[in-house]
Amino acid sequence: MYIDLPEKRYYKIGEVAKAFGLNTSHIRFWEKEFDVLKPKKNKKGNRLFTQDDLKNLQLIYHLVKEKGFTLEGAKSKMKENSKSTEGNYDIIMRLEKIKAELINIKNEIS
């Protein structure tokens, strides 16, 4: 899944949830389930997600929502073959970005 968010240092949970098409409760649930998600929290307790958090969320989303892994399966996949899984996912994300750019170009030409 290619997400289109502006380049920022921190993202609020609402922005992240909207970009992924999920509820904020879903993001919070995944935060509890996956150790790799560690958003910072401000004094009010609001979650602030970094670029690394977004990358991990994209990988979790890909494994769970697109590939159909269970949460336990996604956790073990991320732990077992982390380099391989991340490498494959990076390739998929680059291709998704290229696809989105080509669709934009096609729409502008039409």
PDB file of N, CA and C in Angstrom:
ATOM      1  N   MET A   1       0.836  -1.177   0.000  1.00  0.00           N
ATOM      2  CA  MET A   1       0.000   0.000   0.000  1.00  0.00           C
ATOM      3  C   MET A   1       0.879   1.237   0.000  1.00  0.00           C
ATOM      4  N   TYR A   2       0.648   2.095  -0.951  1.00  0.00           N
ATOM      5  CA  TYR A   2       1.378   3.355  -1.039  1.00  0.00           C
ATOM      6  C   TYR A   2       0.585   4.425  -0.304  1.00  0.00           C
ATOM      7  N   ILE A   3       1.207   5.068   0.674  1.00  0.00           N
ATOM      8  CA  ILE A   3       0.538   6.150   1.388  1.00  0.00           C
ATOM      9  C   ILE A   3       1.158   7.477   0.973  1.00  0.00           C
ATOM     10  N   ASP A   4       0.317   8.469   0.863  1.00  0.00           N
ATOM     11  CA  ASP A   4       0.773   9.779   0.413  1.00  0.00           C
ATOM     12  C   ASP A   4       0.595  10.775   1.551  1.00  0.00           C
ATOM     13  N   LEU A   5       1.660  10.921   2.345  1.00  0.00           N
ATOM     14  CA  LEU A   5       1.660  11.881   3.443  1.00  0.00           C
ATOM     15  C   LEU A   5       2.773  12.893   3.204  1.00  0.00           C
ATOM     16  N   PRO A   6       2.556  14.146   3.599  1.00  0.00           N
ATOM     17  CA  PRO A   6       3.624  15.136   3.446  1.00  0.00           C
ATOM     18  C   PRO A   6       4.825  14.774   4.320  1.00  0.00           C
ATOM     19  N   GLU A   7       5.984  15.213   3.918  1.00  0.00           N
ATOM     20  CA  GLU A   7       7.219  14.932   4.661  1.00  0.00           C
ATOM     21  C   GLU A   7       7.226  15.748   5.941  1.00  0.00           C
ATOM     22  N   LYS A   8       7.129  15.048   7.080  1.00  0.00           N
ATOM     23  CA  LYS A   8       7.148  15.701   8.382  1.00  0.00           C
ATOM     24  C   LYS A   8       7.973  14.857   9.342  1.00  0.00           C
ATOM     25  N   ARG A   9       8.326  15.449  10.443  1.00  0.00           N
ATOM     26  CA  ARG A   9       9.071  14.708  11.462  1.00  0.00           C
ATOM     27  C   ARG A   9       8.135  13.785  12.247  1.00  0.00           C
ATOM     28  N   TYR A  10       6.949  14.285  12.613  1.00  0.00           N
ATOM     29  CA  TYR A  10       5.994  13.498  13.384  1.00  0.00           C
ATOM     30  C   TYR A  10       4.605  13.587  12.768  1.00  0.00           C
ATOM     31  N   TYR A  11       3.863  12.494  12.893  1.00  0.00           N
ATOM     32  CA  TYR A  11       2.493  12.419  12.396  1.00  0.00           C
ATOM     33  C   TYR A  11       1.575  12.040  13.553  1.00  0.00           C
ATOM     34  N   LYS A  12       0.425  12.677  13.636  1.00  0.00           N
ATOM     35  CA  LYS A  12      -0.558  12.338  14.656  1.00  0.00           C
ATOM     36  C   LYS A  12      -1.268  11.053  14.246  1.00  0.00           C
ATOM     37  N   ILE A  13      -1.835  10.368  15.217  1.00  0.00           N
ATOM     38  CA  ILE A  13      -2.468   9.082  14.949  1.00  0.00           C
ATOM     39  C   ILE A  13      -3.637   9.218  13.968  1.00  0.00           C
ATOM     40  N   GLY A  14      -4.344  10.327  14.012  1.00  0.00           N
ATOM     41  CA  GLY A  14      -5.452  10.546  13.084  1.00  0.00           C
ATOM     42  C   GLY A  14      -4.981  10.613  11.639  1.00  0.00           C
ATOM     43  N   GLU A  15      -3.864  11.298  11.421  1.00  0.00           N
ATOM     44  CA  GLU A  15      -3.292  11.386  10.070  1.00  0.00           C
ATOM     45  C   GLU A  15      -2.879  10.004   9.568  1.00  0.00           C
ATOM     46  N   VAL A  16      -2.248   9.250  10.456  1.00  0.00           N
ATOM     47  CA  VAL A  16      -1.771   7.914  10.094  1.00  0.00           C
ATOM     48  C   VAL A  16      -2.947   6.996   9.782  1.00  0.00           C
ATOM     49  N   ALA A  17      -3.954   7.021  10.640  1.00  0.00           N
ATOM     50  CA  ALA A  17      -5.126   6.166  10.444  1.00  0.00           C
ATOM     51  C   ALA A  17      -5.824   6.497   9.127  1.00  0.00           C
ATOM     52  N   LYS A  18      -5.957   7.782   8.828  1.00  0.00           N
ATOM     53  CA  LYS A  18      -6.614   8.194   7.581  1.00  0.00           C
ATOM     54  C   LYS A  18      -5.804   7.743   6.366  1.00  0.00           C
ATOM     55  N   ALA A  19      -4.489   7.869   6.437  1.00  0.00           N
ATOM     56  CA  ALA A  19      -3.628   7.469   5.314  1.00  0.00           C
ATOM     57  C   ALA A  19      -3.729   5.971   5.033  1.00  0.00           C
ATOM     58  N   PHE A  20      -3.897   5.174   6.079  1.00  0.00           N
ATOM     59  CA  PHE A  20      -3.998   3.724   5.921  1.00  0.00           C
ATOM     60  C   PHE A  20      -5.434   3.241   5.739  1.00  0.00           C
ATOM     61  N   GLY A  21      -6.402   4.127   5.933  1.00  0.00           N
ATOM     62  CA  GLY A  21      -7.798   3.736   5.834  1.00  0.00           C
ATOM     63  C   GLY A  21      -8.236   2.855   6.995  1.00  0.00           C
ATOM     64  N   LEU A  22      -7.674   3.101   8.161  1.00  0.00           N
ATOM     65  CA  LEU A  22      -7.979   2.329   9.360  1.00  0.00           C
ATOM     66  C   LEU A  22      -8.517   3.249  10.453  1.00  0.00           C
ATOM     67  N   ASN A  23      -9.102   2.652  11.477  1.00  0.00           N
ATOM     68  CA  ASN A  23      -9.507   3.410  12.659  1.00  0.00           C
ATOM     69  C   ASN A  23      -8.296   3.656  13.546  1.00  0.00           C
ATOM     70  N   THR A  24      -8.363   4.706  14.353  1.00  0.00           N
ATOM     71  CA  THR A  24      -7.262   4.969  15.275  1.00  0.00           C
ATOM     72  C   THR A  24      -7.124   3.834  16.285  1.00  0.00           C
ATOM     73  N   SER A  25      -8.234   3.206  16.650  1.00  0.00           N
ATOM     74  CA  SER A  25      -8.173   2.077  17.588  1.00  0.00           C
ATOM     75  C   SER A  25      -7.406   0.906  16.984  1.00  0.00           C
ATOM     76  N   HIS A  26      -7.504   0.742  15.672  1.00  0.00           N
ATOM     77  CA  HIS A  26      -6.764  -0.319  14.977  1.00  0.00           C
ATOM     78  C   HIS A  26      -5.254  -0.055  15.074  1.00  0.00           C
ATOM     79  N   ILE A  27      -4.857   1.182  14.889  1.00  0.00           N
ATOM     80  CA  ILE A  27      -3.444   1.553  14.993  1.00  0.00           C
ATOM     81  C   ILE A  27      -2.950   1.322  16.420  1.00  0.00           C
ATOM     82  N   ARG A  28      -3.750   1.734  17.404  1.00  0.00           N
ATOM     83  CA  ARG A  28      -3.363   1.529  18.802  1.00  0.00           C
ATOM     84  C   ARG A  28      -3.257   0.036  19.135  1.00  0.00           C
ATOM     85  N   PHE A  29      -4.166  -0.775  18.590  1.00  0.00           N
ATOM     86  CA  PHE A  29      -4.117  -2.217  18.814  1.00  0.00           C
ATOM     87  C   PHE A  29      -2.830  -2.803  18.246  1.00  0.00           C
ATOM     88  N   TRP A  30      -2.487  -2.407  17.014  1.00  0.00           N
ATOM     89  CA  TRP A  30      -1.250  -2.909  16.408  1.00  0.00           C
ATOM     90  C   TRP A  30      -0.032  -2.457  17.210  1.00  0.00           C
ATOM     91  N   GLU A  31      -0.093  -1.263  17.772  1.00  0.00           N
ATOM     92  CA  GLU A  31       1.014  -0.767  18.602  1.00  0.00           C
ATOM     93  C   GLU A  31       1.246  -1.697  19.792  1.00  0.00           C
ATOM     94  N   LYS A  32       0.159  -2.181  20.394  1.00  0.00           N
ATOM     95  CA  LYS A  32       0.278  -3.106  21.526  1.00  0.00           C
ATOM     96  C   LYS A  32       0.796  -4.472  21.081  1.00  0.00           C
ATOM     97  N   GLU A  33       0.405  -4.897  19.891  1.00  0.00           N
ATOM     98  CA  GLU A  33       0.744  -6.238  19.410  1.00  0.00           C
ATOM     99  C   GLU A  33       2.163  -6.348  18.851  1.00  0.00           C
ATOM    100  N   PHE A  34       2.657  -5.286  18.220  1.00  0.00           N
ATOM    101  CA  PHE A  34       3.951  -5.332  17.540  1.00  0.00           C
ATOM    102  C   PHE A  34       4.974  -4.462  18.269  1.00  0.00           C
ATOM    103  N   ASP A  35       6.061  -5.095  18.686  1.00  0.00           N
ATOM    104  CA  ASP A  35       7.112  -4.385  19.429  1.00  0.00           C
ATOM    105  C   ASP A  35       7.823  -3.320  18.596  1.00  0.00           C
ATOM    106  N   VAL A  36       7.804  -3.453  17.270  1.00  0.00           N
ATOM    107  CA  VAL A  36       8.520  -2.498  16.423  1.00  0.00           C
ATOM    108  C   VAL A  36       7.828  -1.144  16.363  1.00  0.00           C
ATOM    109  N   LEU A  37       6.562  -1.080  16.731  1.00  0.00           N
ATOM    110  CA  LEU A  37       5.839   0.194  16.736  1.00  0.00           C
ATOM    111  C   LEU A  37       6.016   0.863  18.090  1.00  0.00           C
ATOM    112  N   LYS A  38       6.750   1.951  18.083  1.00  0.00           N
ATOM    113  CA  LYS A  38       7.002   2.682  19.327  1.00  0.00           C
ATOM    114  C   LYS A  38       6.866   4.181  19.089  1.00  0.00           C
ATOM    115  N   PRO A  39       5.626   4.634  18.872  1.00  0.00           N
ATOM    116  CA  PRO A  39       5.479   6.082  18.672  1.00  0.00           C
ATOM    117  C   PRO A  39       5.807   6.843  19.944  1.00  0.00           C
ATOM    118  N   LYS A  40       6.341   8.028  19.763  1.00  0.00           N
ATOM    119  CA  LYS A  40       6.612   8.884  20.915  1.00  0.00           C
ATOM    120  C   LYS A  40       5.278   9.436  21.414  1.00  0.00           C
ATOM    121  N   LYS A  41       5.256   9.838  22.657  1.00  0.00           N
ATOM    122  CA  LYS A  41       4.048  10.441  23.214  1.00  0.00           C
ATOM    123  C   LYS A  41       4.412  11.796  23.810  1.00  0.00           C
ATOM    124  N   ASN A  42       3.563  12.786  23.541  1.00  0.00           N
ATOM    125  CA  ASN A  42       3.806  14.103  24.110  1.00  0.00           C
ATOM    126  C   ASN A  42       3.268  14.157  25.540  1.00  0.00           C
ATOM    127  N   LYS A  43       3.311  15.323  26.163  1.00  0.00           N
ATOM    128  CA  LYS A  43       2.888  15.455  27.560  1.00  0.00           C
ATOM    129  C   LYS A  43       1.419  15.089  27.769  1.00  0.00           C
ATOM    130  N   LYS A  44       0.605  15.303  26.742  1.00  0.00           N
ATOM    131  CA  LYS A  44      -0.808  14.961  26.828  1.00  0.00           C
ATOM    132  C   LYS A  44      -1.055  13.470  26.602  1.00  0.00           C
ATOM    133  N   GLY A  45      -0.041  12.763  26.138  1.00  0.00           N
ATOM    134  CA  GLY A  45      -0.199  11.338  25.856  1.00  0.00           C
ATOM    135  C   GLY A  45      -0.571  11.032  24.418  1.00  0.00           C
ATOM    136  N   ASN A  46      -0.588  12.073  23.563  1.00  0.00           N
ATOM    137  CA  ASN A  46      -0.888  11.866  22.145  1.00  0.00           C
ATOM    138  C   ASN A  46       0.275  11.166  21.461  1.00  0.00           C
ATOM    139  N   ARG A  47      -0.040  10.203  20.622  1.00  0.00           N
ATOM    140  CA  ARG A  47       0.986   9.457  19.906  1.00  0.00           C
ATOM    141  C   ARG A  47       1.513  10.276  18.731  1.00  0.00           C
ATOM    142  N   LEU A  48       2.832  10.269  18.574  1.00  0.00           N
ATOM    143  CA  LEU A  48       3.483  10.958  17.465  1.00  0.00           C
ATOM    144  C   LEU A  48       4.343   9.937  16.725  1.00  0.00           C
ATOM    145  N   PHE A  49       3.940   9.626  15.497  1.00  0.00           N
ATOM    146  CA  PHE A  49       4.602   8.594  14.707  1.00  0.00           C
ATOM    147  C   PHE A  49       5.703   9.195  13.844  1.00  0.00           C
ATOM    148  N   THR A  50       6.839   8.498  13.770  1.00  0.00           N
ATOM    149  CA  THR A  50       7.968   8.925  12.947  1.00  0.00           C
ATOM    150  C   THR A  50       7.914   8.209  11.606  1.00  0.00           C
ATOM    151  N   GLN A  51       8.852   8.560  10.728  1.00  0.00           N
ATOM    152  CA  GLN A  51       8.957   7.880   9.432  1.00  0.00           C
ATOM    153  C   GLN A  51       9.220   6.388   9.619  1.00  0.00           C
ATOM    154  N   ASP A  52      10.051   6.032  10.606  1.00  0.00           N
ATOM    155  CA  ASP A  52      10.317   4.616  10.873  1.00  0.00           C
ATOM    156  C   ASP A  52       9.048   3.890  11.305  1.00  0.00           C
ATOM    157  N   ASP A  53       8.249   4.552  12.129  1.00  0.00           N
ATOM    158  CA  ASP A  53       6.982   3.959  12.547  1.00  0.00           C
ATOM    159  C   ASP A  53       6.074   3.726  11.343  1.00  0.00           C
ATOM    160  N   LEU A  54       6.031   4.700  10.439  1.00  0.00           N
ATOM    161  CA  LEU A  54       5.202   4.558   9.244  1.00  0.00           C
ATOM    162  C   LEU A  54       5.682   3.399   8.381  1.00  0.00           C
ATOM    163  N   LYS A  55       6.987   3.254   8.258  1.00  0.00           N
ATOM    164  CA  LYS A  55       7.536   2.149   7.469  1.00  0.00           C
ATOM    165  C   LYS A  55       7.155   0.801   8.086  1.00  0.00           C
ATOM    166  N   ASN A  56       7.251   0.709   9.415  1.00  0.00           N
ATOM    167  CA  ASN A  56       6.855  -0.520  10.095  1.00  0.00           C
ATOM    168  C   ASN A  56       5.356  -0.769   9.963  1.00  0.00           C
ATOM    169  N   LEU A  57       4.556   0.283  10.051  1.00  0.00           N
ATOM    170  CA  LEU A  57       3.115   0.136   9.868  1.00  0.00           C
ATOM    171  C   LEU A  57       2.779  -0.342   8.461  1.00  0.00           C
ATOM    172  N   GLN A  58       3.494   0.179   7.481  1.00  0.00           N
ATOM    173  CA  GLN A  58       3.266  -0.261   6.104  1.00  0.00           C
ATOM    174  C   GLN A  58       3.572  -1.743   5.952  1.00  0.00           C
ATOM    175  N   LEU A  59       4.644  -2.185   6.570  1.00  0.00           N
ATOM    176  CA  LEU A  59       5.008  -3.594   6.499  1.00  0.00           C
ATOM    177  C   LEU A  59       3.959  -4.458   7.202  1.00  0.00           C
ATOM    178  N   ILE A  60       3.514  -4.034   8.362  1.00  0.00           N
ATOM    179  CA  ILE A  60       2.474  -4.771   9.087  1.00  0.00           C
ATOM    180  C   ILE A  60       1.192  -4.809   8.268  1.00  0.00           C
ATOM    181  N   TYR A  61       0.806  -3.675   7.709  1.00  0.00           N
ATOM    182  CA  TYR A  61      -0.397  -3.603   6.878  1.00  0.00           C
ATOM    183  C   TYR A  61      -0.280  -4.555   5.695  1.00  0.00           C
ATOM    184  N   HIS A  62       0.872  -4.550   5.063  1.00  0.00           N
ATOM    185  CA  HIS A  62       1.094  -5.417   3.901  1.00  0.00           C
ATOM    186  C   HIS A  62       0.944  -6.886   4.286  1.00  0.00           C
ATOM    187  N   LEU A  63       1.585  -7.277   5.372  1.00  0.00           N
ATOM    188  CA  LEU A  63       1.533  -8.679   5.778  1.00  0.00           C
ATOM    189  C   LEU A  63       0.126  -9.095   6.222  1.00  0.00           C
ATOM    190  N   VAL A  64      -0.531  -8.258   7.019  1.00  0.00           N
ATOM    191  CA  VAL A  64      -1.822  -8.637   7.595  1.00  0.00           C
ATOM    192  C   VAL A  64      -2.974  -8.422   6.613  1.00  0.00           C
ATOM    193  N   LYS A  65      -3.051  -7.254   6.035  1.00  0.00           N
ATOM    194  CA  LYS A  65      -4.207  -6.914   5.199  1.00  0.00           C
ATOM    195  C   LYS A  65      -4.072  -7.383   3.753  1.00  0.00           C
ATOM    196  N   GLU A  66      -2.880  -7.290   3.183  1.00  0.00           N
ATOM    197  CA  GLU A  66      -2.710  -7.631   1.774  1.00  0.00           C
ATOM    198  C   GLU A  66      -2.313  -9.090   1.564  1.00  0.00           C
ATOM    199  N   LYS A  67      -1.477  -9.623   2.435  1.00  0.00           N
ATOM    200  CA  LYS A  67      -1.018 -11.007   2.287  1.00  0.00           C
ATOM    201  C   LYS A  67      -1.856 -11.996   3.101  1.00  0.00           C
ATOM    202  N   GLY A  68      -2.656 -11.504   4.031  1.00  0.00           N
ATOM    203  CA  GLY A  68      -3.543 -12.376   4.792  1.00  0.00           C
ATOM    204  C   GLY A  68      -2.904 -13.107   5.963  1.00  0.00           C
ATOM    205  N   PHE A  69      -1.773 -12.619   6.453  1.00  0.00           N
ATOM    206  CA  PHE A  69      -1.126 -13.229   7.607  1.00  0.00           C
ATOM    207  C   PHE A  69      -1.966 -12.977   8.860  1.00  0.00           C
ATOM    208  N   THR A  70      -1.911 -13.902   9.806  1.00  0.00           N
ATOM    209  CA  THR A  70      -2.468 -13.641  11.127  1.00  0.00           C
ATOM    210  C   THR A  70      -1.492 -12.708  11.836  1.00  0.00           C
ATOM    211  N   LEU A  71      -1.908 -12.145  12.960  1.00  0.00           N
ATOM    212  CA  LEU A  71      -0.999 -11.266  13.703  1.00  0.00           C
ATOM    213  C   LEU A  71       0.227 -12.038  14.174  1.00  0.00           C
ATOM    214  N   GLU A  72       0.013 -13.262  14.655  1.00  0.00           N
ATOM    215  CA  GLU A  72       1.148 -14.079  15.094  1.00  0.00           C
ATOM    216  C   GLU A  72       2.060 -14.420  13.917  1.00  0.00           C
ATOM    217  N   GLY A  73       1.449 -14.723  12.776  1.00  0.00           N
ATOM    218  CA  GLY A  73       2.232 -15.031  11.582  1.00  0.00           C
ATOM    219  C   GLY A  73       3.046 -13.837  11.117  1.00  0.00           C
ATOM    220  N   ALA A  74       2.446 -12.660  11.177  1.00  0.00           N
ATOM    221  CA  ALA A  74       3.154 -11.439  10.777  1.00  0.00           C
ATOM    222  C   ALA A  74       4.307 -11.154  11.735  1.00  0.00           C
ATOM    223  N   LYS A  75       4.069 -11.361  13.033  1.00  0.00           N
ATOM    224  CA  LYS A  75       5.138 -11.144  14.020  1.00  0.00           C
ATOM    225  C   LYS A  75       6.314 -12.069  13.752  1.00  0.00           C
ATOM    226  N   SER A  76       6.026 -13.345  13.534  1.00  0.00           N
ATOM    227  CA  SER A  76       7.118 -14.300  13.314  1.00  0.00           C
ATOM    228  C   SER A  76       7.815 -14.032  11.988  1.00  0.00           C
ATOM    229  N   LYS A  77       7.068 -13.647  10.961  1.00  0.00           N
ATOM    230  CA  LYS A  77       7.670 -13.326   9.660  1.00  0.00           C
ATOM    231  C   LYS A  77       8.621 -12.139   9.801  1.00  0.00           C
ATOM    232  N   MET A  78       8.223 -11.147  10.566  1.00  0.00           N
ATOM    233  CA  MET A  78       9.061  -9.971  10.748  1.00  0.00           C
ATOM    234  C   MET A  78      10.309 -10.304  11.565  1.00  0.00           C
ATOM    235  N   LYS A  79      10.203 -11.242  12.504  1.00  0.00           N
ATOM    236  CA  LYS A  79      11.354 -11.614  13.320  1.00  0.00           C
ATOM    237  C   LYS A  79      12.290 -12.564  12.587  1.00  0.00           C
ATOM    238  N   GLU A  80      11.729 -13.562  11.887  1.00  0.00           N
ATOM    239  CA  GLU A  80      12.538 -14.585  11.210  1.00  0.00           C
ATOM    240  C   GLU A  80      13.382 -14.001  10.083  1.00  0.00           C
ATOM    241  N   ASN A  81      12.715 -13.435   9.126  1.00  0.00           N
ATOM    242  CA  ASN A  81      13.385 -12.963   7.908  1.00  0.00           C
ATOM    243  C   ASN A  81      13.281 -11.457   7.796  1.00  0.00           C
ATOM    244  N   SER A  82      13.686 -10.756   8.828  1.00  0.00           N
ATOM    245  CA  SER A  82      13.464  -9.312   8.831  1.00  0.00           C
ATOM    246  C   SER A  82      14.146  -8.614   7.659  1.00  0.00           C
ATOM    247  N   LYS A  83      15.387  -8.977   7.367  1.00  0.00           N
ATOM    248  CA  LYS A  83      16.097  -8.330   6.249  1.00  0.00           C
ATOM    249  C   LYS A  83      15.430  -8.667   4.923  1.00  0.00           C
ATOM    250  N   SER A  84      15.131  -9.932   4.710  1.00  0.00           N
ATOM    251  CA  SER A  84      14.509 -10.371   3.469  1.00  0.00           C
ATOM    252  C   SER A  84      13.117  -9.772   3.309  1.00  0.00           C
ATOM    253  N   THR A  85      12.333  -9.809   4.379  1.00  0.00           N
ATOM    254  CA  THR A  85      10.977  -9.273   4.343  1.00  0.00           C
ATOM    255  C   THR A  85      10.996  -7.780   4.059  1.00  0.00           C
ATOM    256  N   GLU A  86      11.876  -7.040   4.734  1.00  0.00           N
ATOM    257  CA  GLU A  86      11.967  -5.592   4.513  1.00  0.00           C
ATOM    258  C   GLU A  86      12.459  -5.280   3.103  1.00  0.00           C
ATOM    259  N   GLY A  87      13.430  -6.073   2.616  1.00  0.00           N
ATOM    260  CA  GLY A  87      13.943  -5.859   1.265  1.00  0.00           C
ATOM    261  C   GLY A  87      12.872  -6.071   0.216  1.00  0.00           C
ATOM    262  N   ASN A  88      12.120  -7.150   0.357  1.00  0.00           N
ATOM    263  CA  ASN A  88      11.037  -7.419  -0.586  1.00  0.00           C
ATOM    264  C   ASN A  88       9.974  -6.337  -0.508  1.00  0.00           C
ATOM    265  N   TYR A  89       9.669  -5.910   0.694  1.00  0.00           N
ATOM    266  CA  TYR A  89       8.649  -4.897   0.847  1.00  0.00           C
ATOM    267  C   TYR A  89       9.105  -3.556   0.270  1.00  0.00           C
ATOM    268  N   ASP A  90      10.366  -3.221   0.441  1.00  0.00           N
ATOM    269  CA  ASP A  90      10.895  -1.979  -0.144  1.00  0.00           C
ATOM    270  C   ASP A  90      10.736  -1.983  -1.656  1.00  0.00           C
ATOM    271  N   ILE A  91      11.000  -3.116  -2.271  1.00  0.00           N
ATOM    272  CA  ILE A  91      10.841  -3.235  -3.728  1.00  0.00           C
ATOM    273  C   ILE A  91       9.379  -3.037  -4.110  1.00  0.00           C
ATOM    274  N   ILE A  92       8.476  -3.679  -3.377  1.00  0.00           N
ATOM    275  CA  ILE A  92       7.046  -3.541  -3.653  1.00  0.00           C
ATOM    276  C   ILE A  92       6.615  -2.093  -3.515  1.00  0.00           C
ATOM    277  N   MET A  93       7.101  -1.410  -2.477  1.00  0.00           N
ATOM    278  CA  MET A  93       6.713  -0.014  -2.262  1.00  0.00           C
ATOM    279  C   MET A  93       7.217   0.895  -3.381  1.00  0.00           C
ATOM    280  N   ARG A  94       8.435   0.653  -3.849  1.00  0.00           N
ATOM    281  CA  ARG A  94       8.958   1.459  -4.958  1.00  0.00           C
ATOM    282  C   ARG A  94       8.109   1.256  -6.210  1.00  0.00           C
ATOM    283  N   LEU A  95       7.726   0.015  -6.462  1.00  0.00           N
ATOM    284  CA  LEU A  95       6.883  -0.266  -7.625  1.00  0.00           C
ATOM    285  C   LEU A  95       5.499   0.364  -7.485  1.00  0.00           C
ATOM    286  N   GLU A  96       4.941   0.339  -6.275  1.00  0.00           N
ATOM    287  CA  GLU A  96       3.647   0.977  -6.031  1.00  0.00           C
ATOM    288  C   GLU A  96       3.726   2.485  -6.277  1.00  0.00           C
ATOM    289  N   LYS A  97       4.827   3.093  -5.857  1.00  0.00           N
ATOM    290  CA  LYS A  97       5.003   4.532  -6.059  1.00  0.00           C
ATOM    291  C   LYS A  97       5.110   4.854  -7.548  1.00  0.00           C
ATOM    292  N   ILE A  98       5.863   4.049  -8.276  1.00  0.00           N
ATOM    293  CA  ILE A  98       5.981   4.237  -9.727  1.00  0.00           C
ATOM    294  C   ILE A  98       4.626   4.079 -10.391  1.00  0.00           C
ATOM    295  N   LYS A  99       3.867   3.070  -9.961  1.00  0.00           N
ATOM    296  CA  LYS A  99       2.538   2.843 -10.522  1.00  0.00           C
ATOM    297  C   LYS A  99       1.635   4.053 -10.297  1.00  0.00           C
ATOM    298  N   ALA A 100       1.669   4.604  -9.074  1.00  0.00           N
ATOM    299  CA  ALA A 100       0.849   5.780  -8.761  1.00  0.00           C
ATOM    300  C   ALA A 100       1.244   6.980  -9.625  1.00  0.00           C
ATOM    301  N   GLU A 101       2.544   7.157  -9.846  1.00  0.00           N
ATOM    302  CA  GLU A 101       3.006   8.261 -10.685  1.00  0.00           C
ATOM    303  C   GLU A 101       2.572   8.067 -12.133  1.00  0.00           C
ATOM    304  N   LEU A 102       2.641   6.837 -12.623  1.00  0.00           N
ATOM    305  CA  LEU A 102       2.215   6.560 -13.998  1.00  0.00           C
ATOM    306  C   LEU A 102       0.711   6.779 -14.168  1.00  0.00           C
ATOM    307  N   ILE A 103      -0.072   6.408 -13.175  1.00  0.00           N
ATOM    308  CA  ILE A 103      -1.517   6.631 -13.237  1.00  0.00           C
ATOM    309  C   ILE A 103      -1.807   8.125 -13.256  1.00  0.00           C
ATOM    310  N   ASN A 104      -1.072   8.911 -12.460  1.00  0.00           N
ATOM    311  CA  ASN A 104      -1.247  10.367 -12.474  1.00  0.00           C
ATOM    312  C   ASN A 104      -0.914  10.947 -13.833  1.00  0.00           C
ATOM    313  N   ILE A 105       0.175  10.482 -14.442  1.00  0.00           N
ATOM    314  CA  ILE A 105       0.562  10.959 -15.764  1.00  0.00           C
ATOM    315  C   ILE A 105      -0.516  10.608 -16.781  1.00  0.00           C
ATOM    316  N   LYS A 106      -1.025   9.378 -16.719  1.00  0.00           N
ATOM    317  CA  LYS A 106      -2.070   8.934 -17.641  1.00  0.00           C
ATOM    318  C   LYS A 106      -3.313   9.804 -17.502  1.00  0.00           C
ATOM    319  N   ASN A 107      -3.690  10.098 -16.269  1.00  0.00           N
ATOM    320  CA  ASN A 107      -4.872  10.920 -16.034  1.00  0.00           C
ATOM    321  C   ASN A 107      -4.697  12.351 -16.532  1.00  0.00           C
ATOM    322  N   GLU A 108      -3.475  12.870 -16.433  1.00  0.00           N
ATOM    323  CA  GLU A 108      -3.218  14.229 -16.917  1.00  0.00           C
ATOM    324  C   GLU A 108      -3.264  14.290 -18.446  1.00  0.00           C
ATOM    325  N   ILE A 109      -2.836  13.217 -19.087  1.00  0.00           N
ATOM    326  CA  ILE A 109      -2.844  13.176 -20.554  1.00  0.00           C
ATOM    327  C   ILE A 109      -4.262  13.053 -21.098  1.00  0.00           C
ATOM    328  N   SER A 110      -5.091  12.284 -20.396  1.00  0.00           N
ATOM    329  CA  SER A 110      -6.461  12.026 -20.879  1.00  0.00           C
ATOM    330  C   SER A 110      -7.320  13.253 -20.871  1.00  0.00           C
TER     331      SER A 110
END
